[in-house]
Amino acid sequence: MKILRIPDGRELIENYEFSEIRDLEHVFIPDTVKKVGKHAFYNCRSLKSVRMPGDLFQIEDGAFKNCDHLKNVEIYAKDQKTACMKNVVADLTHELTFFVHYPDGEAKILIPSYNYDYEIDINSRVFHEVVYGSGDAYQRCVSKAELDYSEYDFLFAVAKREEQQGTLFELVENRLKYPYRLGDKEKAGYIDYLEKYAQRYILNKIEENDQKGLRLAATCGLFQKEDMDLYLEKAGREKDVECMAYLIEYNNRNFMEIEQEFVF
């Protein structure tokens, strides 16, 4: 069973009810469900995505434990509620993306990964817990009934110290493509980051054949005339016809000199 659709009208998913289904990939939970029991989807190691209502407050411990491939959670938020987030991230330490549908817009939120380790203080012979990655801070950010976007955007300063650049690019992209409750100051900060690493970002988008990313680069004014030959060469090496066509069209529209016509 690769796809599981919980019947509309169900209010409870029992403890361990769908655990150990190793080929399960996608789960759809209707808004009638009020509680997901302990270890309901435990050890569903192929699970990739879940769709659920935002006001699903009761998700018990271990409901998604060992769901190592769960990377995408789609939420339909009623009255701005996204309480289900905290219960999902509580079981997982790897990277997660939440796509949230609000009554007045949409948001795409990346929660980076994190890891715990322990270091010993030789003098006092005491172990101290050490956290690697910004995901722990971001997880605390989604622990409320409603996601605080100003707090989420504030944490980008932490992410810049802790995360690899690929993760930072994705985090910035999500907020700029879906700028739900994104303040002007925070938006400018995200764009400043892309401007600082514009060449690297655009080359990365070409390598990924990501035309949406290239359009975002254009919207943010990241293209420079002196870099266009580099981008076109990269697209040619990647044999990326669509990106090549987009870059040629952009270059011709924005950087090609128009010959002046003289009338005698």
Protein backbone atom coordinates (compact mmCIF):
# COMPACT_ATOMS: atom_id res chain seq x y z
CA MET A 1 0.00 0.00 0.00
CA LYS A 2 1.73 3.16 -1.20
CA ILE A 3 -1.12 5.64 -0.64
CA LEU A 4 -3.34 5.78 2.44
CA ARG A 5 -6.45 7.95 2.52
CA ILE A 6 -8.08 8.01 5.93
CA PRO A 7 -11.86 7.99 5.34
CA ASP A 8 -13.65 11.27 5.88
CA GLY A 9 -15.61 11.10 9.12
CA ARG A 10 -12.95 9.24 11.09
CA GLU A 11 -12.02 11.06 14.30
CA LEU A 12 -9.29 8.81 15.69
CA ILE A 13 -6.23 7.03 14.30
CA GLU A 14 -5.44 4.30 16.81
CA ASN A 15 -2.12 3.60 18.51
CA TYR A 16 0.18 1.65 16.14
CA GLU A 17 -2.69 1.43 13.59
CA PHE A 18 -0.53 1.96 10.49
CA SER A 19 2.93 1.27 11.90
CA GLU A 20 5.49 -0.88 10.10
CA ILE A 21 3.91 -0.46 6.64
CA ARG A 22 7.24 -0.37 4.87
CA ASP A 23 5.99 0.56 1.36
CA LEU A 24 3.64 3.37 2.47
CA GLU A 25 4.65 6.65 0.77
CA HIS A 26 1.76 9.13 1.06
CA VAL A 27 -0.87 9.70 3.77
CA PHE A 28 -3.96 11.90 3.57
CA ILE A 29 -5.66 12.77 6.87
CA PRO A 30 -9.08 14.51 6.66
CA ASP A 31 -10.10 17.42 8.85
CA THR A 32 -12.49 15.20 10.82
CA VAL A 33 -9.57 13.45 12.54
CA LYS A 34 -9.01 14.91 16.01
CA LYS A 35 -6.32 12.58 17.35
CA VAL A 36 -3.42 10.54 15.99
CA GLY A 37 -2.43 7.85 18.47
CA LYS A 38 0.99 6.82 19.73
CA HIS A 39 3.28 5.32 17.08
CA ALA A 40 0.42 5.43 14.56
CA PHE A 41 2.87 5.55 11.62
CA TYR A 42 5.93 4.27 13.46
CA ASN A 43 8.65 2.78 11.25
CA CYS A 44 6.94 3.63 7.96
CA ARG A 45 10.38 4.10 6.46
CA SER A 46 9.22 4.86 2.90
CA LEU A 47 6.77 7.57 3.95
CA LYS A 48 7.48 10.73 1.93
CA SER A 49 4.52 13.06 2.45
CA VAL A 50 1.56 13.68 4.73
CA ARG A 51 -1.43 15.97 4.28
CA MET A 52 -3.32 16.97 7.42
CA PRO A 53 -5.48 19.72 8.95
CA GLY A 54 -3.67 22.49 10.80
CA ASP A 55 -5.86 22.24 13.89
CA LEU A 56 -4.95 18.60 14.53
CA PHE A 57 -3.74 19.33 18.05
CA GLN A 58 -3.45 15.76 19.34
CA ILE A 59 -0.63 13.87 17.69
CA GLU A 60 0.79 11.52 20.30
CA ASP A 61 4.44 10.69 20.96
CA GLY A 62 6.20 8.64 18.32
CA ALA A 63 3.43 8.98 15.73
CA PHE A 64 6.01 9.57 12.97
CA LYS A 65 9.09 8.16 14.65
CA ASN A 66 11.56 6.43 12.29
CA CYS A 67 9.83 7.91 9.23
CA ASP A 68 13.26 8.75 7.88
CA HIS A 69 12.10 9.78 4.39
CA LEU A 70 9.23 12.02 5.47
CA LYS A 71 10.25 15.36 3.97
CA ASN A 72 7.01 17.11 2.93
CA VAL A 73 3.97 17.95 5.05
CA GLU A 74 1.00 19.75 3.53
CA ILE A 75 -1.27 21.58 5.96
CA TYR A 76 -4.71 23.12 5.52
CA ALA A 77 -4.86 25.76 8.25
CA LYS A 78 -8.23 26.78 9.61
CA ASP A 79 -8.27 30.10 11.44
CA GLN A 80 -4.48 30.32 11.01
CA LYS A 81 -3.91 27.24 13.23
CA THR A 82 -0.79 25.16 12.52
CA ALA A 83 -0.58 23.29 15.82
CA CYS A 84 0.12 19.97 14.10
CA MET A 85 3.62 21.18 13.14
CA LYS A 86 5.08 20.86 16.62
CA ASN A 87 3.94 17.26 16.96
CA VAL A 88 5.40 16.24 13.63
CA VAL A 89 8.82 17.82 14.18
CA ALA A 90 9.00 16.43 17.71
CA ASP A 91 9.68 12.95 16.30
CA LEU A 92 12.14 13.95 13.60
CA THR A 93 15.52 15.64 13.39
CA HIS A 94 15.97 15.64 9.62
CA GLU A 95 15.00 18.46 7.23
CA LEU A 96 11.28 19.05 6.72
CA THR A 97 9.27 21.26 4.40
CA PHE A 98 5.78 22.44 5.35
CA PHE A 99 3.46 23.77 2.65
CA VAL A 100 0.69 25.63 4.43
CA HIS A 101 -2.63 26.67 2.87
CA TYR A 102 -4.20 29.57 4.76
CA PRO A 103 -7.58 31.15 4.03
CA ASP A 104 -5.73 34.26 2.83
CA GLY A 105 -2.57 32.84 1.23
CA GLU A 106 0.09 30.14 1.15
CA ALA A 107 3.47 29.63 2.80
CA LYS A 108 6.34 27.21 2.27
CA ILE A 109 8.46 26.70 5.37
CA LEU A 110 11.73 24.83 5.66
CA ILE A 111 12.77 23.38 9.01
CA PRO A 112 16.49 22.49 8.77
CA SER A 113 17.95 19.33 10.28
CA TYR A 114 19.88 19.15 13.53
CA ASN A 115 21.82 16.61 15.62
CA TYR A 116 22.65 16.16 19.26
CA ASP A 117 26.00 15.12 20.63
CA TYR A 118 27.72 15.13 24.00
CA GLU A 119 31.04 16.64 24.97
CA ILE A 120 32.85 15.96 28.21
CA ASP A 121 34.26 18.66 30.44
CA ILE A 122 37.45 16.93 31.53
CA ASN A 123 37.96 19.12 34.59
CA SER A 124 34.48 18.64 36.02
CA ARG A 125 33.89 15.21 34.43
CA VAL A 126 30.46 16.32 33.28
CA PHE A 127 28.88 15.68 29.89
CA HIS A 128 27.31 18.65 28.11
CA GLU A 129 24.71 18.33 25.38
CA VAL A 130 25.71 20.07 22.16
CA VAL A 131 23.35 20.82 19.27
CA TYR A 132 24.58 21.01 15.68
CA GLY A 133 22.40 22.76 13.10
CA SER A 134 19.69 25.41 13.35
CA GLY A 135 16.80 22.96 13.15
CA ASP A 136 16.42 22.83 16.92
CA ALA A 137 15.80 26.59 17.05
CA TYR A 138 13.38 26.42 14.14
CA GLN A 139 11.50 23.56 15.78
CA ARG A 140 10.91 25.68 18.86
CA CYS A 141 9.58 28.36 16.53
CA VAL A 142 6.72 26.08 15.38
CA SER A 143 5.78 24.91 18.87
CA LYS A 144 2.82 27.27 19.17
CA ALA A 145 -0.76 26.98 17.94
CA GLU A 146 0.07 29.52 15.20
CA LEU A 147 3.40 29.91 13.42
CA ASP A 148 5.04 33.23 14.28
CA TYR A 149 6.54 34.33 10.96
CA SER A 150 8.47 37.25 12.42
CA GLU A 151 10.23 34.83 14.78
CA TYR A 152 10.81 32.39 11.93
CA ASP A 153 12.43 35.06 9.76
CA PHE A 154 14.50 36.32 12.70
CA LEU A 155 16.12 32.87 12.94
CA PHE A 156 17.75 33.28 9.52
CA ALA A 157 20.67 34.91 11.33
CA VAL A 158 21.13 31.64 13.24
CA ALA A 159 20.79 29.56 10.07
CA LYS A 160 23.55 31.54 8.34
CA ARG A 161 25.97 30.46 11.06
CA GLU A 162 24.90 26.82 11.17
CA GLU A 163 23.71 25.66 7.74
CA GLN A 164 25.22 24.69 4.41
CA GLN A 165 24.60 27.11 1.58
CA GLY A 166 22.24 24.78 -0.29
CA THR A 167 19.92 24.75 2.72
CA LEU A 168 20.11 28.54 3.01
CA PHE A 169 19.25 28.97 -0.66
CA GLU A 170 16.19 26.76 -0.25
CA LEU A 171 15.09 28.56 2.89
CA VAL A 172 15.37 31.95 1.18
CA GLU A 173 13.64 30.74 -1.97
CA ASN A 174 10.66 29.44 -0.03
CA ARG A 175 10.12 32.74 1.75
CA LEU A 176 10.51 34.86 -1.38
CA LYS A 177 8.34 32.65 -3.59
CA TYR A 178 5.64 32.42 -0.93
CA PRO A 179 6.02 35.69 1.03
CA TYR A 180 3.18 35.07 3.46
CA ARG A 181 3.45 37.62 6.30
CA LEU A 182 6.95 38.55 5.13
CA GLY A 183 7.91 42.02 6.31
CA ASP A 184 9.78 44.47 4.09
CA LYS A 185 12.88 44.41 6.30
CA GLU A 186 13.01 40.62 6.35
CA LYS A 187 12.43 40.44 2.60
CA ALA A 188 15.31 42.83 2.00
CA GLY A 189 17.53 40.66 4.21
CA TYR A 190 16.76 37.55 2.18
CA ILE A 191 17.40 39.36 -1.10
CA ASP A 192 20.66 40.78 0.25
CA TYR A 193 21.83 37.24 0.93
CA LEU A 194 21.05 36.14 -2.63
CA GLU A 195 22.76 39.24 -4.02
CA LYS A 196 25.89 38.41 -2.04
CA TYR A 197 26.06 34.94 -3.57
CA ALA A 198 24.25 35.67 -6.83
CA GLN A 199 26.66 33.91 -9.18
CA ARG A 200 26.79 30.77 -7.07
CA TYR A 201 23.00 30.75 -6.69
CA ILE A 202 22.33 31.10 -10.43
CA LEU A 203 24.88 28.42 -11.36
CA ASN A 204 23.20 26.15 -8.83
CA LYS A 205 19.78 26.78 -10.38
CA ILE A 206 21.14 26.00 -13.86
CA GLU A 207 22.64 22.76 -12.59
CA GLU A 208 19.28 21.82 -11.07
CA ASN A 209 17.38 22.83 -14.24
CA ASP A 210 15.28 25.08 -11.99
CA GLN A 211 13.60 27.70 -14.15
CA LYS A 212 11.53 28.97 -11.24
CA GLY A 213 14.75 29.67 -9.42
CA LEU A 214 16.09 31.56 -12.44
CA ARG A 215 12.92 33.63 -12.58
CA LEU A 216 13.32 34.44 -8.90
CA ALA A 217 16.89 35.52 -9.63
CA ALA A 218 15.59 37.82 -12.35
CA THR A 219 12.89 39.25 -10.06
CA CYS A 220 15.54 39.99 -7.42
CA GLY A 221 17.84 41.62 -10.01
CA LEU A 222 20.64 39.09 -9.57
CA PHE A 223 21.74 38.84 -13.21
CA GLN A 224 24.71 40.94 -14.28
CA LYS A 225 25.74 41.47 -17.88
CA GLU A 226 29.35 40.40 -17.31
CA ASP A 227 28.22 37.02 -15.96
CA MET A 228 25.85 36.01 -18.76
CA ASP A 229 28.50 34.20 -20.85
CA LEU A 230 29.37 32.08 -17.79
CA TYR A 231 25.72 31.14 -17.27
CA LEU A 232 25.18 30.32 -20.94
CA GLU A 233 28.31 28.18 -20.97
CA LYS A 234 27.10 26.33 -17.85
CA ALA A 235 23.69 25.68 -19.40
CA GLY A 236 25.40 24.39 -22.54
CA ARG A 237 27.56 21.96 -20.54
CA GLU A 238 24.49 20.73 -18.70
CA LYS A 239 22.66 20.32 -22.04
CA ASP A 240 19.80 22.19 -20.44
CA VAL A 241 17.79 23.43 -23.39
CA GLU A 242 15.03 25.14 -21.39
CA CYS A 243 17.42 27.06 -19.14
CA MET A 244 19.52 27.98 -22.15
CA ALA A 245 16.46 29.36 -23.93
CA TYR A 246 15.46 31.36 -20.86
CA LEU A 247 18.96 32.80 -20.42
CA ILE A 248 19.28 33.75 -24.10
CA GLU A 249 15.89 35.44 -24.04
CA TYR A 250 16.74 37.30 -20.80
CA ASN A 251 20.14 38.35 -22.15
CA ASN A 252 18.68 39.63 -25.41
CA ARG A 253 15.92 41.52 -23.63
CA ASN A 254 18.07 43.14 -20.96
CA PHE A 255 21.70 43.33 -22.03
CA MET A 256 21.98 43.32 -25.82
CA GLU A 257 22.86 46.72 -27.20
CA ILE A 258 20.30 48.09 -29.62
CA GLU A 259 21.87 49.52 -32.72
CA GLN A 260 20.94 53.13 -33.25
CA GLU A 261 19.19 53.80 -36.53
CA PHE A 262 19.94 56.98 -38.45
CA VAL A 263 17.44 58.52 -40.84
CA PHE A 264 18.93 60.63 -43.65
